[in-house]
């Protein structure tokens, strides 16, 4: 287990918190209102955040030598019998399509400038270490775990246990089989963890197991939160938040799989946090074209390399 930070508000779009005793910290994706309020507060006080070009991501040494996912594989889990005939927004199909086509995209390619195998404090890998990956076919599988009901308001430990169960289901039980793997635990309409829509839109963390450390995301039923988690954000449609939020979490898990020992800025914000819910100007959320020609709303990601190394929020990286 990596070093655990104290509970603290960090960056513009995230808080690092301990939310359950005995569990590692979670990195929370704040709601639209909270993220924009924090960004405005930082701007009025001259603090870096959001679209700042003065606060790059820094490598924090990793956990057991792992600081990024070099060949990321994503497993999507629809947890609980509550998913049966209970998907009014069609989130399951949209998530499957999004995760199956985002790999190899110029948008996700932003993660590849970050690496592991370099010294703590590194800002630019410059070819050193091993880079985070953006391979084709990142979505490795999906599973409707519908044999029984999920908890109505799952706790972190229950979400973590479901991630371990998923690792077993997908056969990722050998040593090292979860080093570059993440599990997205999606809860059904009306059955989300406490705080969703008022305190956060999603969060990611990890858990220890006999299969190694396991990275996972708590992905609620995003449209349940309406505009607070992206419905019609930047006029991108009622379902925009689904792919904006999951894209945010996927990129953050690739570059900080075991929070918070991967790539973060000096305040603790990750690659997605610094660019969360930007509505105008450089880095504003938009619909982007993926390699297969499909279009999905996504937010920008932080690039240390942007603007000749000054840094900024970008929707593509080459």
Protein backbone atom coordinates (compact mmCIF):
# COMPACT_ATOMS: atom_id res chain seq x y z
CA UNK A 1 0.00 0.00 0.00
CA UNK A 2 1.32 3.42 -0.93
CA UNK A 3 1.63 6.44 1.31
CA UNK A 4 -1.79 7.80 2.27
CA UNK A 5 -2.44 11.54 2.28
CA UNK A 6 -4.37 13.34 4.95
CA UNK A 7 -7.98 14.16 4.14
CA UNK A 8 -7.83 17.39 2.17
CA UNK A 9 -9.47 19.33 -0.58
CA UNK A 10 -7.18 19.38 -3.58
CA UNK A 11 -7.20 21.05 -6.96
CA UNK A 12 -10.22 22.10 -8.98
CA UNK A 13 -12.42 19.06 -9.39
CA UNK A 14 -11.15 16.58 -6.84
CA UNK A 15 -10.86 15.84 -3.17
CA UNK A 16 -8.65 13.13 -1.72
CA UNK A 17 -10.48 11.66 1.23
CA UNK A 18 -10.63 8.74 3.58
CA UNK A 19 -14.31 7.83 3.50
CA UNK A 20 -14.25 4.50 5.34
CA UNK A 21 -12.03 3.38 8.19
CA UNK A 22 -9.42 0.85 7.12
CA UNK A 23 -9.76 1.65 3.41
CA UNK A 24 -7.26 3.52 1.18
CA UNK A 25 -8.05 7.07 0.11
CA UNK A 26 -10.40 7.81 -2.76
CA UNK A 27 -9.93 10.54 -5.35
CA UNK A 28 -13.27 12.23 -5.91
CA UNK A 29 -14.53 13.86 -9.09
CA UNK A 30 -16.52 16.83 -7.82
CA UNK A 31 -19.86 17.93 -9.22
CA UNK A 32 -20.11 20.67 -11.83
CA UNK A 33 -21.13 23.28 -9.25
CA UNK A 34 -18.39 22.40 -6.77
CA UNK A 35 -15.63 22.22 -9.36
CA UNK A 36 -16.53 25.52 -10.97
CA UNK A 37 -16.91 27.24 -7.60
CA UNK A 38 -13.50 25.99 -6.51
CA UNK A 39 -11.95 27.10 -9.80
CA UNK A 40 -13.45 30.57 -9.41
CA UNK A 41 -12.20 30.79 -5.83
CA UNK A 42 -8.68 29.82 -6.86
CA UNK A 43 -8.72 32.36 -9.66
CA UNK A 44 -9.84 35.16 -7.35
CA UNK A 45 -7.02 34.32 -4.92
CA UNK A 46 -4.39 33.86 -7.59
CA UNK A 47 -4.01 30.14 -6.84
CA UNK A 48 -3.22 27.52 -9.47
CA UNK A 49 -5.92 25.10 -10.48
CA UNK A 50 -8.20 24.26 -13.37
CA UNK A 51 -6.57 25.59 -16.51
CA UNK A 52 -3.49 26.87 -14.70
CA UNK A 53 -0.19 26.67 -16.57
CA UNK A 54 1.90 26.93 -13.41
CA UNK A 55 1.17 23.67 -11.62
CA UNK A 56 2.28 20.60 -13.58
CA UNK A 57 1.74 16.97 -12.69
CA UNK A 58 4.66 15.46 -10.77
CA UNK A 59 5.62 11.81 -10.38
CA UNK A 60 5.25 10.52 -6.83
CA UNK A 61 7.24 7.29 -7.05
CA UNK A 62 4.47 4.75 -7.56
CA UNK A 63 3.53 1.76 -5.41
CA UNK A 64 5.78 -1.26 -5.69
CA UNK A 65 7.32 0.29 -8.76
CA UNK A 66 3.93 0.83 -10.43
CA UNK A 67 3.06 4.46 -11.10
CA UNK A 68 1.07 4.22 -14.33
CA UNK A 69 -0.78 1.56 -16.30
CA UNK A 70 1.61 0.78 -19.13
CA UNK A 71 -0.81 -1.50 -20.99
CA UNK A 72 -4.21 -0.59 -19.51
CA UNK A 73 -7.08 -3.05 -19.57
CA UNK A 74 -10.54 -1.99 -18.43
CA UNK A 75 -13.19 -4.39 -17.14
CA UNK A 76 -16.73 -3.03 -16.86
CA UNK A 77 -18.97 -4.53 -14.18
CA UNK A 78 -22.71 -3.85 -13.95
CA UNK A 79 -23.22 -4.70 -10.32
CA UNK A 80 -26.40 -6.24 -9.00
CA UNK A 81 -29.78 -7.55 -10.10
CA UNK A 82 -31.02 -3.95 -9.95
CA UNK A 83 -29.71 -3.51 -13.52
CA UNK A 84 -32.39 -5.88 -14.83
CA UNK A 85 -34.92 -3.82 -16.83
CA UNK A 86 -33.65 -0.72 -15.03
CA UNK A 87 -31.50 1.32 -17.41
CA UNK A 88 -33.71 4.22 -18.52
CA UNK A 89 -30.83 6.25 -19.99
CA UNK A 90 -29.19 3.34 -21.77
CA UNK A 91 -26.00 3.89 -19.78
CA UNK A 92 -24.79 0.29 -20.09
CA UNK A 93 -24.67 0.27 -23.88
CA UNK A 94 -23.18 3.76 -24.01
CA UNK A 95 -20.40 2.83 -21.58
CA UNK A 96 -19.58 -0.34 -23.50
CA UNK A 97 -19.40 1.58 -26.78
CA UNK A 98 -17.34 4.41 -25.31
CA UNK A 99 -14.77 2.22 -23.58
CA UNK A 100 -14.52 -0.04 -26.61
CA UNK A 101 -13.63 2.83 -28.95
CA UNK A 102 -11.66 5.37 -26.91
CA UNK A 103 -8.45 3.35 -27.00
CA UNK A 104 -5.81 4.62 -29.38
CA UNK A 105 -7.55 7.99 -29.63
CA UNK A 106 -5.62 11.28 -29.75
CA UNK A 107 -7.71 12.29 -26.71
CA UNK A 108 -6.54 9.42 -24.49
CA UNK A 109 -3.03 9.68 -25.93
CA UNK A 110 -2.42 12.53 -23.48
CA UNK A 111 -1.66 9.89 -20.82
CA UNK A 112 1.37 8.63 -22.74
CA UNK A 113 3.58 11.59 -21.76
CA UNK A 114 3.56 10.24 -18.17
CA UNK A 115 5.63 7.25 -17.10
CA UNK A 116 6.96 5.05 -14.32
CA UNK A 117 10.50 3.95 -13.54
CA UNK A 118 11.73 7.50 -13.05
CA UNK A 119 12.66 9.35 -9.88
CA UNK A 120 10.07 11.00 -7.67
CA UNK A 121 9.67 14.64 -8.59
CA UNK A 122 9.99 14.02 -12.34
CA UNK A 123 7.86 16.37 -14.48
CA UNK A 124 8.92 15.43 -18.01
CA UNK A 125 9.75 11.80 -18.81
CA UNK A 126 11.60 12.78 -22.01
CA UNK A 127 11.84 9.16 -23.12
CA UNK A 128 12.94 7.81 -19.74
CA UNK A 129 11.09 5.11 -17.84
CA UNK A 130 8.09 3.25 -19.26
CA UNK A 131 5.20 5.33 -20.55
CA UNK A 132 1.54 4.97 -19.70
CA UNK A 133 -0.23 3.12 -22.47
CA UNK A 134 -2.95 3.92 -24.98
CA UNK A 135 -3.26 0.59 -26.82
CA UNK A 136 -6.09 -0.63 -29.03
CA UNK A 137 -8.81 -2.72 -27.40
CA UNK A 138 -8.53 -1.31 -23.89
CA UNK A 139 -11.96 -2.70 -22.94
CA UNK A 140 -11.04 -6.23 -21.99
CA UNK A 141 -14.51 -7.41 -20.97
CA UNK A 142 -17.80 -6.63 -19.30
CA UNK A 143 -19.95 -8.55 -16.84
CA UNK A 144 -23.52 -8.29 -15.62
CA UNK A 145 -23.13 -9.55 -12.06
CA UNK A 146 -26.87 -9.95 -11.60
CA UNK A 147 -27.12 -13.11 -9.53
CA UNK A 148 -28.05 -11.10 -6.44
CA UNK A 149 -28.85 -7.54 -5.49
CA UNK A 150 -26.06 -5.08 -4.82
CA UNK A 151 -26.32 -3.04 -1.62
CA UNK A 152 -28.74 -0.15 -1.94
CA UNK A 153 -26.06 2.34 -0.86
CA UNK A 154 -22.75 0.48 -1.18
CA UNK A 155 -19.83 1.39 1.06
CA UNK A 156 -16.26 1.63 -0.17
CA UNK A 157 -15.35 -1.77 1.25
CA UNK A 158 -18.29 -3.35 -0.60
CA UNK A 159 -17.28 -1.73 -3.88
CA UNK A 160 -13.71 -2.92 -3.29
CA UNK A 161 -14.94 -6.46 -2.64
CA UNK A 162 -16.87 -6.40 -5.91
CA UNK A 163 -13.68 -5.37 -7.73
CA UNK A 164 -11.87 -8.36 -6.23
CA UNK A 165 -14.79 -10.59 -7.22
CA UNK A 166 -14.51 -9.23 -10.76
CA UNK A 167 -10.79 -9.99 -10.87
CA UNK A 168 -11.60 -13.59 -10.00
CA UNK A 169 -14.43 -13.74 -12.55
CA UNK A 170 -12.18 -12.50 -15.35
CA UNK A 171 -9.35 -14.83 -14.33
CA UNK A 172 -6.95 -12.11 -13.23
CA UNK A 173 -5.67 -14.05 -10.25
CA UNK A 174 -1.99 -14.62 -11.03
CA UNK A 175 0.78 -12.46 -9.62
CA UNK A 176 1.05 -9.26 -11.63
CA UNK A 177 -2.22 -9.80 -13.52
CA UNK A 178 -3.73 -6.63 -12.07
CA UNK A 179 -0.74 -4.32 -12.40
CA UNK A 180 -2.19 -2.53 -15.44
CA UNK A 181 -5.86 -3.39 -14.93
CA UNK A 182 -8.81 -1.34 -13.71
CA UNK A 183 -12.33 -2.39 -12.83
CA UNK A 184 -15.27 -0.03 -13.32
CA UNK A 185 -18.01 -0.92 -10.84
CA UNK A 186 -21.20 0.60 -12.24
CA UNK A 187 -24.23 0.81 -9.96
CA UNK A 188 -27.80 0.82 -11.25
CA UNK A 189 -30.34 3.60 -11.54
CA UNK A 190 -31.35 4.63 -8.02
CA UNK A 191 -28.81 2.48 -6.19
CA UNK A 192 -25.75 4.70 -5.91
CA UNK A 193 -23.37 5.18 -3.00
CA UNK A 194 -24.05 8.01 -0.55
CA UNK A 195 -22.85 11.47 -1.60
CA UNK A 196 -23.36 10.93 -5.32
CA UNK A 197 -24.65 14.03 -7.06
CA UNK A 198 -24.13 16.29 -4.08
CA UNK A 199 -20.51 15.60 -3.10
CA UNK A 200 -19.10 13.83 -6.15
CA UNK A 201 -19.87 12.31 -9.56
CA UNK A 202 -17.52 9.32 -9.27
CA UNK A 203 -14.32 8.31 -7.53
CA UNK A 204 -11.46 5.87 -7.94
CA UNK A 205 -9.28 4.00 -5.46
CA UNK A 206 -7.66 0.61 -5.01
CA UNK A 207 -7.77 -2.35 -2.67
CA UNK A 208 -5.29 -5.02 -1.62
CA UNK A 209 -6.05 -8.67 -2.30
CA UNK A 210 -4.44 -12.06 -2.80
CA UNK A 211 -4.45 -11.14 -6.51
CA UNK A 212 -2.33 -8.05 -5.87
CA UNK A 213 -3.39 -4.42 -5.57
CA UNK A 214 -6.56 -3.80 -7.58
CA UNK A 215 -7.53 -0.42 -9.05
CA UNK A 216 -11.24 0.29 -9.37
CA UNK A 217 -13.76 3.05 -9.99
CA UNK A 218 -17.07 3.68 -8.25
CA UNK A 219 -19.22 4.73 -11.23
CA UNK A 220 -22.76 5.67 -10.19
CA UNK A 221 -25.70 5.87 -12.58
CA UNK A 222 -24.59 9.27 -13.84
CA UNK A 223 -27.87 10.62 -15.22
CA UNK A 224 -29.45 10.24 -11.77
CA UNK A 225 -27.56 13.43 -10.82
CA UNK A 226 -28.79 15.47 -13.78
CA UNK A 227 -26.88 18.68 -14.53
CA UNK A 228 -24.70 18.31 -11.43
CA UNK A 229 -22.84 15.48 -13.17
CA UNK A 230 -22.94 16.69 -16.74
CA UNK A 231 -26.42 16.41 -18.23
CA UNK A 232 -26.43 18.90 -21.15
CA UNK A 233 -23.04 20.26 -20.08
CA UNK A 234 -21.81 22.66 -22.77
CA UNK A 235 -24.93 21.70 -24.77
CA UNK A 236 -23.44 18.23 -25.35
CA UNK A 237 -26.66 16.35 -24.65
CA UNK A 238 -28.55 14.80 -21.77
CA UNK A 239 -26.17 11.83 -21.60
CA UNK A 240 -22.93 13.85 -21.86
CA UNK A 241 -21.95 13.26 -18.25
CA UNK A 242 -21.77 9.49 -18.71
CA UNK A 243 -18.73 9.57 -20.97
CA UNK A 244 -17.25 12.77 -19.52
CA UNK A 245 -17.16 11.27 -16.03
CA UNK A 246 -16.00 7.77 -16.98
CA UNK A 247 -13.37 9.19 -19.35
CA UNK A 248 -12.08 11.33 -16.47
CA UNK A 249 -11.84 8.31 -14.16
CA UNK A 250 -10.25 6.02 -16.76
CA UNK A 251 -7.47 8.51 -17.56
CA UNK A 252 -6.83 9.19 -13.88
CA UNK A 253 -6.55 5.50 -13.08
CA UNK A 254 -4.09 5.03 -15.94
CA UNK A 255 -1.83 7.80 -14.57
CA UNK A 256 -2.42 7.24 -10.83
CA UNK A 257 -3.58 3.64 -10.36
CA UNK A 258 -2.86 3.55 -6.63
CA UNK A 259 -3.80 6.98 -5.24
CA UNK A 260 -1.92 9.03 -4.63
CA UNK A 261 1.46 7.69 -5.73
CA UNK A 262 1.34 8.30 -9.49
CA UNK A 263 1.09 11.63 -11.30
CA UNK A 264 -0.44 14.53 -9.37
CA UNK A 265 0.18 18.23 -9.03
CA UNK A 266 1.48 19.83 -5.85
CA UNK A 267 -2.08 20.18 -4.54
CA UNK A 268 -2.98 16.55 -5.21
CA UNK A 269 -5.02 16.95 -8.39
CA UNK A 270 -4.76 14.32 -11.11
CA UNK A 271 -4.78 14.49 -14.92
CA UNK A 272 -8.57 14.89 -15.07
CA UNK A 273 -9.16 17.00 -11.98
CA UNK A 274 -7.26 20.02 -13.25
CA UNK A 275 -9.51 20.20 -16.32
CA UNK A 276 -12.85 19.10 -14.84
CA UNK A 277 -16.01 20.85 -16.04
CA UNK A 278 -14.35 23.62 -18.05
CA UNK A 279 -17.13 25.25 -20.02
CA UNK A 280 -15.31 27.72 -22.25
CA UNK A 281 -11.93 28.61 -23.68
CA UNK A 282 -8.89 26.33 -23.84
CA UNK A 283 -9.76 22.84 -22.68
CA UNK A 284 -13.54 23.19 -22.66
CA UNK A 285 -15.38 19.87 -22.76
CA UNK A 286 -16.44 18.88 -26.27
CA UNK A 287 -17.54 16.02 -28.48
CA UNK A 288 -14.45 14.40 -30.01
CA UNK A 289 -14.02 11.91 -32.84
CA UNK A 290 -12.55 8.53 -31.95
CA UNK A 291 -10.54 6.30 -34.33
CA UNK A 292 -13.60 4.36 -35.54
CA UNK A 293 -15.39 7.58 -36.48
CA UNK A 294 -17.71 7.65 -33.46
CA UNK A 295 -18.23 10.82 -31.43
CA UNK A 296 -18.39 11.12 -27.65
CA UNK A 297 -18.42 14.03 -25.20
CA UNK A 298 -15.26 14.14 -23.10
CA UNK A 299 -13.41 16.62 -20.93
CA UNK A 300 -9.88 17.73 -21.63
CA UNK A 301 -6.89 16.21 -19.83
CA UNK A 302 -3.88 17.97 -18.35
CA UNK A 303 -0.74 17.99 -20.49
CA UNK A 304 2.56 19.06 -18.96
CA UNK A 305 3.91 19.36 -22.50
CA UNK A 306 1.26 21.75 -23.83
CA UNK A 307 2.29 25.26 -24.85
CA UNK A 308 6.01 24.49 -25.05
CA UNK A 309 6.04 22.91 -21.61
CA UNK A 310 3.99 25.50 -19.75
CA UNK A 311 1.15 23.01 -19.40
CA UNK A 312 -2.56 23.16 -20.00
CA UNK A 313 -5.79 21.29 -20.70
CA UNK A 314 -6.00 19.56 -24.09
CA UNK A 315 -8.43 17.38 -26.05
CA UNK A 316 -5.70 15.64 -28.05
CA UNK A 317 -2.00 14.86 -27.85
CA UNK A 318 0.40 13.51 -30.46
